Amino acid sequence: MADKLIIVMVNTDPKNPSELGAPFFQATVAASMEYEVEVILTGRAGELAKKGVAEKIQLHTEGARSVYDYMKEAKEAGVKFMICTPTLDLWGDDLIPEITETIGSAYIISEAMSDNTVTFTY
């Protein structure tokens, strides 16, 4: 049985908040269940790693928690946040403090191919 979950957010569009809650909520739940969890932001979703972006996106209804609130909660549960190197060219390197590592495609492929890892993509 796998003991690690990787959530790769690549096609999730920050302009569509209804797409953003599930990945962070699932990451938090998995970390709370004591699985090793990594969320990798790349492509369009990489914009969420830029300071100020996720803070401005509200989920569900007016006055609800921001996407950044969900990200901070996931981090507190033990989720590790990473960004893919080419994404920095798209959105810059002024990143939220929850991003702990910059990785490349080889890392994603290597980890995803491991028998101990389950990979979700959004």
N, C-alpha and C. Protein backbone atom coordinates (compact mmCIF):
# COMPACT_ATOMS: atom_id res chain seq x y z
N MET A 1 0.84 -1.19 0.00
CA MET A 1 0.00 0.00 0.00
C MET A 1 0.88 1.24 0.00
N ALA A 2 0.49 2.22 -0.78
CA ALA A 2 1.23 3.46 -0.86
C ALA A 2 1.14 4.24 0.44
N ASP A 3 2.20 4.97 0.75
CA ASP A 3 2.19 5.81 1.95
C ASP A 3 2.45 7.28 1.64
N LYS A 4 2.46 7.59 0.34
CA LYS A 4 2.71 8.97 -0.08
C LYS A 4 1.69 9.36 -1.14
N LEU A 5 1.19 10.60 -1.03
CA LEU A 5 0.27 11.17 -1.99
C LEU A 5 0.91 12.42 -2.59
N ILE A 6 0.96 12.45 -3.91
CA ILE A 6 1.39 13.66 -4.61
C ILE A 6 0.17 14.22 -5.33
N ILE A 7 -0.10 15.48 -5.10
CA ILE A 7 -1.16 16.18 -5.82
C ILE A 7 -0.49 17.18 -6.73
N VAL A 8 -0.63 16.96 -8.04
CA VAL A 8 -0.05 17.86 -9.03
C VAL A 8 -1.16 18.75 -9.55
N MET A 9 -1.02 20.03 -9.28
CA MET A 9 -2.00 21.01 -9.75
C MET A 9 -1.39 21.72 -10.95
N VAL A 10 -1.90 21.39 -12.13
CA VAL A 10 -1.35 21.93 -13.36
C VAL A 10 -2.43 22.61 -14.21
N ASN A 11 -3.60 22.03 -14.29
CA ASN A 11 -4.67 22.56 -15.12
C ASN A 11 -5.72 23.32 -14.33
N THR A 12 -5.57 23.38 -13.04
CA THR A 12 -6.52 24.08 -12.18
C THR A 12 -6.35 25.58 -12.40
N ASP A 13 -7.42 26.24 -12.73
CA ASP A 13 -7.36 27.66 -13.06
C ASP A 13 -7.76 28.51 -11.86
N PRO A 14 -6.86 29.34 -11.36
CA PRO A 14 -7.19 30.20 -10.23
C PRO A 14 -8.37 31.13 -10.49
N LYS A 15 -8.73 31.33 -11.74
CA LYS A 15 -9.88 32.18 -12.06
C LYS A 15 -11.20 31.44 -11.90
N ASN A 16 -11.13 30.14 -11.59
CA ASN A 16 -12.33 29.34 -11.37
C ASN A 16 -12.25 28.74 -9.96
N PRO A 17 -12.66 29.50 -8.95
CA PRO A 17 -12.52 29.06 -7.56
C PRO A 17 -13.16 27.71 -7.25
N SER A 18 -14.17 27.32 -7.99
CA SER A 18 -14.82 26.04 -7.69
C SER A 18 -13.88 24.85 -7.91
N GLU A 19 -12.79 25.06 -8.64
CA GLU A 19 -11.81 24.00 -8.89
C GLU A 19 -10.76 23.90 -7.79
N LEU A 20 -10.70 24.85 -6.89
CA LEU A 20 -9.55 24.97 -5.99
C LEU A 20 -9.70 24.32 -4.63
N GLY A 21 -10.89 24.14 -4.15
CA GLY A 21 -11.06 23.63 -2.79
C GLY A 21 -10.66 22.18 -2.63
N ALA A 22 -11.12 21.32 -3.52
CA ALA A 22 -10.91 19.87 -3.37
C ALA A 22 -9.45 19.46 -3.23
N PRO A 23 -8.54 19.95 -4.07
CA PRO A 23 -7.15 19.48 -3.93
C PRO A 23 -6.54 19.80 -2.57
N PHE A 24 -6.80 21.00 -2.06
CA PHE A 24 -6.22 21.38 -0.77
C PHE A 24 -6.91 20.66 0.39
N PHE A 25 -8.21 20.49 0.28
CA PHE A 25 -8.94 19.76 1.31
C PHE A 25 -8.48 18.31 1.36
N GLN A 26 -8.35 17.66 0.20
CA GLN A 26 -7.89 16.27 0.16
C GLN A 26 -6.46 16.14 0.67
N ALA A 27 -5.62 17.09 0.36
CA ALA A 27 -4.25 17.07 0.87
C ALA A 27 -4.24 17.14 2.39
N THR A 28 -5.06 18.02 2.95
CA THR A 28 -5.14 18.17 4.41
C THR A 28 -5.63 16.89 5.07
N VAL A 29 -6.67 16.29 4.50
CA VAL A 29 -7.22 15.05 5.06
C VAL A 29 -6.16 13.94 5.01
N ALA A 30 -5.49 13.80 3.88
CA ALA A 30 -4.47 12.75 3.76
C ALA A 30 -3.33 12.96 4.75
N ALA A 31 -2.89 14.20 4.93
CA ALA A 31 -1.83 14.48 5.90
C ALA A 31 -2.31 14.19 7.32
N SER A 32 -3.57 14.49 7.60
CA SER A 32 -4.15 14.21 8.92
C SER A 32 -4.24 12.71 9.17
N MET A 33 -4.31 11.93 8.09
CA MET A 33 -4.34 10.47 8.21
C MET A 33 -2.92 9.89 8.24
N GLU A 34 -1.94 10.80 8.38
CA GLU A 34 -0.52 10.47 8.53
C GLU A 34 0.14 9.93 7.26
N TYR A 35 -0.41 10.30 6.10
CA TYR A 35 0.28 10.03 4.85
C TYR A 35 1.24 11.17 4.57
N GLU A 36 2.31 10.87 3.89
CA GLU A 36 3.21 11.92 3.41
C GLU A 36 2.51 12.55 2.20
N VAL A 37 2.39 13.88 2.20
CA VAL A 37 1.65 14.56 1.15
C VAL A 37 2.47 15.72 0.59
N GLU A 38 2.53 15.77 -0.74
CA GLU A 38 3.17 16.88 -1.44
C GLU A 38 2.18 17.45 -2.44
N VAL A 39 2.07 18.77 -2.45
CA VAL A 39 1.28 19.46 -3.46
C VAL A 39 2.27 20.20 -4.35
N ILE A 40 2.23 19.87 -5.64
CA ILE A 40 3.13 20.49 -6.60
C ILE A 40 2.31 21.43 -7.48
N LEU A 41 2.68 22.70 -7.45
CA LEU A 41 2.01 23.72 -8.25
C LEU A 41 2.84 23.96 -9.51
N THR A 42 2.20 23.85 -10.65
CA THR A 42 2.88 24.06 -11.92
C THR A 42 1.89 24.58 -12.94
N GLY A 43 2.39 25.05 -14.05
CA GLY A 43 1.51 25.56 -15.10
C GLY A 43 0.61 26.67 -14.59
N ARG A 44 -0.63 26.66 -15.05
CA ARG A 44 -1.60 27.71 -14.69
C ARG A 44 -1.80 27.79 -13.17
N ALA A 45 -1.84 26.65 -12.52
CA ALA A 45 -2.06 26.62 -11.07
C ALA A 45 -0.89 27.20 -10.29
N GLY A 46 0.26 27.30 -10.93
CA GLY A 46 1.43 27.86 -10.26
C GLY A 46 1.25 29.28 -9.80
N GLU A 47 0.30 29.98 -10.40
CA GLU A 47 0.02 31.36 -9.99
C GLU A 47 -0.39 31.43 -8.51
N LEU A 48 -0.94 30.34 -7.99
CA LEU A 48 -1.35 30.31 -6.58
C LEU A 48 -0.16 30.44 -5.63
N ALA A 49 1.03 30.15 -6.11
CA ALA A 49 2.23 30.25 -5.28
C ALA A 49 2.73 31.69 -5.16
N LYS A 50 2.23 32.55 -6.01
CA LYS A 50 2.65 33.96 -6.02
C LYS A 50 1.98 34.69 -4.85
N LYS A 51 2.76 35.43 -4.11
CA LYS A 51 2.23 36.18 -2.97
C LYS A 51 1.04 37.04 -3.39
N GLY A 52 -0.03 36.97 -2.59
CA GLY A 52 -1.20 37.81 -2.80
C GLY A 52 -2.28 37.21 -3.68
N VAL A 53 -1.96 36.20 -4.47
CA VAL A 53 -2.96 35.65 -5.41
C VAL A 53 -3.98 34.81 -4.67
N ALA A 54 -3.55 33.77 -3.97
CA ALA A 54 -4.48 32.86 -3.28
C ALA A 54 -5.27 33.57 -2.18
N GLU A 55 -4.68 34.62 -1.61
CA GLU A 55 -5.36 35.38 -0.55
C GLU A 55 -6.61 36.08 -1.07
N LYS A 56 -6.62 36.42 -2.34
CA LYS A 56 -7.73 37.17 -2.92
C LYS A 56 -8.84 36.28 -3.45
N ILE A 57 -8.63 34.99 -3.48
CA ILE A 57 -9.62 34.08 -4.05
C ILE A 57 -10.45 33.48 -2.92
N GLN A 58 -11.74 33.80 -2.92
CA GLN A 58 -12.65 33.27 -1.91
C GLN A 58 -13.33 32.02 -2.45
N LEU A 59 -13.51 31.05 -1.59
CA LEU A 59 -14.22 29.83 -1.98
C LEU A 59 -15.68 29.91 -1.56
N HIS A 60 -16.53 29.41 -2.40
CA HIS A 60 -17.96 29.22 -2.15
C HIS A 60 -18.75 30.53 -2.10
N THR A 61 -18.84 31.16 -0.97
CA THR A 61 -19.70 32.34 -0.84
C THR A 61 -18.90 33.53 -0.34
N GLU A 62 -19.50 34.68 -0.46
CA GLU A 62 -18.85 35.90 0.02
C GLU A 62 -18.54 35.77 1.50
N GLY A 63 -17.35 36.18 1.88
CA GLY A 63 -16.94 36.12 3.27
C GLY A 63 -16.39 34.76 3.68
N ALA A 64 -16.37 33.82 2.75
CA ALA A 64 -15.83 32.49 3.05
C ALA A 64 -14.31 32.59 3.15
N ARG A 65 -13.73 31.51 3.56
CA ARG A 65 -12.27 31.46 3.67
C ARG A 65 -11.62 31.54 2.30
N SER A 66 -10.42 32.06 2.28
CA SER A 66 -9.69 32.19 1.02
C SER A 66 -8.97 30.88 0.69
N VAL A 67 -8.56 30.76 -0.55
CA VAL A 67 -7.75 29.61 -0.97
C VAL A 67 -6.48 29.56 -0.14
N TYR A 68 -5.92 30.71 0.15
CA TYR A 68 -4.70 30.76 0.96
C TYR A 68 -4.96 30.20 2.37
N ASP A 69 -6.13 30.44 2.92
CA ASP A 69 -6.47 29.85 4.23
C ASP A 69 -6.42 28.33 4.16
N TYR A 70 -6.95 27.77 3.08
CA TYR A 70 -6.91 26.32 2.90
C TYR A 70 -5.47 25.82 2.73
N MET A 71 -4.66 26.59 2.04
CA MET A 71 -3.25 26.20 1.86
C MET A 71 -2.50 26.23 3.19
N LYS A 72 -2.74 27.25 3.99
CA LYS A 72 -2.08 27.34 5.30
C LYS A 72 -2.53 26.19 6.21
N GLU A 73 -3.80 25.85 6.16
CA GLU A 73 -4.31 24.74 6.95
C GLU A 73 -3.65 23.42 6.52
N ALA A 74 -3.49 23.24 5.22
CA ALA A 74 -2.83 22.04 4.71
C ALA A 74 -1.38 21.98 5.19
N LYS A 75 -0.69 23.09 5.13
CA LYS A 75 0.70 23.16 5.60
C LYS A 75 0.78 22.80 7.08
N GLU A 76 -0.14 23.31 7.88
CA GLU A 76 -0.15 23.01 9.31
C GLU A 76 -0.40 21.52 9.57
N ALA A 77 -1.13 20.87 8.66
CA ALA A 77 -1.41 19.43 8.80
C ALA A 77 -0.21 18.58 8.37
N GLY A 78 0.77 19.22 7.73
CA GLY A 78 1.97 18.48 7.33
C GLY A 78 2.19 18.39 5.83
N VAL A 79 1.35 19.02 5.04
CA VAL A 79 1.50 19.00 3.59
C VAL A 79 2.71 19.84 3.20
N LYS A 80 3.49 19.30 2.27
CA LYS A 80 4.66 20.00 1.74
C LYS A 80 4.29 20.60 0.39
N PHE A 81 4.50 21.90 0.22
CA PHE A 81 4.19 22.59 -1.03
C PHE A 81 5.46 22.83 -1.84
N MET A 82 5.37 22.51 -3.13
CA MET A 82 6.50 22.67 -4.04
C MET A 82 6.03 23.39 -5.30
N ILE A 83 6.98 23.95 -6.01
CA ILE A 83 6.69 24.57 -7.29
C ILE A 83 7.69 24.05 -8.32
N CYS A 84 7.21 23.87 -9.52
CA CYS A 84 8.05 23.37 -10.60
C CYS A 84 8.85 24.54 -11.19
N THR A 85 10.12 24.32 -11.45
CA THR A 85 11.03 25.36 -11.91
C THR A 85 10.51 26.20 -13.07
N PRO A 86 10.00 25.60 -14.16
CA PRO A 86 9.53 26.44 -15.28
C PRO A 86 8.38 27.38 -14.90
N THR A 87 7.67 27.05 -13.85
CA THR A 87 6.55 27.87 -13.41
C THR A 87 7.04 29.24 -12.93
N LEU A 88 8.25 29.29 -12.41
CA LEU A 88 8.81 30.56 -11.94
C LEU A 88 8.95 31.55 -13.11
N ASP A 89 9.21 31.02 -14.31
CA ASP A 89 9.30 31.89 -15.49
C ASP A 89 7.96 32.51 -15.83
N LEU A 90 6.87 31.79 -15.53
CA LEU A 90 5.53 32.31 -15.80
C LEU A 90 5.07 33.34 -14.77
N TRP A 91 5.28 33.03 -13.49
CA TRP A 91 4.66 33.83 -12.43
C TRP A 91 5.64 34.55 -11.53
N GLY A 92 6.93 34.37 -11.72
CA GLY A 92 7.92 35.06 -10.90
C GLY A 92 8.28 34.27 -9.66
N ASP A 93 9.18 34.84 -8.88
CA ASP A 93 9.70 34.11 -7.72
C ASP A 93 9.36 34.77 -6.38
N ASP A 94 8.37 35.65 -6.37
CA ASP A 94 7.90 36.24 -5.12
C ASP A 94 6.81 35.31 -4.57
N LEU A 95 7.27 34.28 -3.85
CA LEU A 95 6.40 33.17 -3.48
C LEU A 95 5.91 33.25 -2.03
N ILE A 96 4.77 32.60 -1.80
CA ILE A 96 4.24 32.47 -0.44
C ILE A 96 5.22 31.62 0.38
N PRO A 97 5.28 31.83 1.68
CA PRO A 97 6.24 31.09 2.51
C PRO A 97 5.95 29.59 2.61
N GLU A 98 4.76 29.16 2.23
CA GLU A 98 4.42 27.75 2.30
C GLU A 98 5.16 26.92 1.24
N ILE A 99 5.68 27.56 0.21
CA ILE A 99 6.46 26.85 -0.81
C ILE A 99 7.83 26.55 -0.21
N THR A 100 8.13 25.26 -0.06
CA THR A 100 9.38 24.88 0.60
C THR A 100 10.46 24.41 -0.35
N GLU A 101 10.08 24.17 -1.61
CA GLU A 101 11.07 23.61 -2.52
C GLU A 101 10.70 23.90 -3.96
N THR A 102 11.73 24.10 -4.78
CA THR A 102 11.56 24.20 -6.22
C THR A 102 12.07 22.91 -6.82
N ILE A 103 11.26 22.30 -7.67
CA ILE A 103 11.62 20.99 -8.23
C ILE A 103 11.50 21.03 -9.74
N GLY A 104 12.02 19.99 -10.39
CA GLY A 104 11.93 19.86 -11.84
C GLY A 104 11.06 18.70 -12.23
N SER A 105 10.87 18.55 -13.51
CA SER A 105 10.02 17.48 -14.04
C SER A 105 10.53 16.10 -13.68
N ALA A 106 11.84 15.92 -13.63
CA ALA A 106 12.40 14.61 -13.29
C ALA A 106 11.95 14.17 -11.90
N TYR A 107 11.85 15.11 -10.97
CA TYR A 107 11.38 14.77 -9.63
C TYR A 107 9.95 14.26 -9.67
N ILE A 108 9.09 14.97 -10.39
CA ILE A 108 7.68 14.58 -10.47
C ILE A 108 7.56 13.18 -11.07
N ILE A 109 8.24 12.94 -12.15
CA ILE A 109 8.16 11.63 -12.81
C ILE A 109 8.71 10.54 -11.92
N SER A 110 9.85 10.78 -11.31
CA SER A 110 10.46 9.78 -10.43
C SER A 110 9.55 9.42 -9.27
N GLU A 111 8.98 10.42 -8.63
CA GLU A 111 8.10 10.16 -7.49
C GLU A 111 6.79 9.50 -7.92
N ALA A 112 6.23 9.95 -9.03
CA ALA A 112 4.97 9.39 -9.50
C ALA A 112 5.11 7.92 -9.90
N MET A 113 6.28 7.53 -10.34
CA MET A 113 6.51 6.15 -10.78
C MET A 113 6.82 5.21 -9.61
N SER A 114 7.02 5.75 -8.43
CA SER A 114 7.33 4.93 -7.27
C SER A 114 6.12 4.10 -6.84
N ASP A 115 6.36 2.85 -6.45
CA ASP A 115 5.29 1.98 -5.97
C ASP A 115 4.67 2.49 -4.67
N ASN A 116 5.38 3.34 -3.95
CA ASN A 116 4.90 3.84 -2.66
C ASN A 116 4.10 5.13 -2.79
N THR A 117 3.86 5.58 -4.04
CA THR A 117 3.21 6.87 -4.25
C THR A 117 1.95 6.74 -5.08
N VAL A 118 0.93 7.48 -4.66
CA VAL A 118 -0.28 7.66 -5.46
C VAL A 118 -0.26 9.11 -5.91
N THR A 119 -0.61 9.34 -7.17
CA THR A 119 -0.57 10.69 -7.72
C THR A 119 -1.97 11.09 -8.19
N PHE A 120 -2.43 12.26 -7.72
CA PHE A 120 -3.67 12.86 -8.20
C PHE A 120 -3.26 14.08 -9.03
N THR A 121 -3.98 14.34 -10.09
CA THR A 121 -3.73 15.56 -10.85
C THR A 121 -5.02 16.37 -10.97
N TYR A 122 -4.85 17.65 -10.92
CA TYR A 122 -5.98 18.58 -11.05
C TYR A 122 -5.62 19.66 -12.05
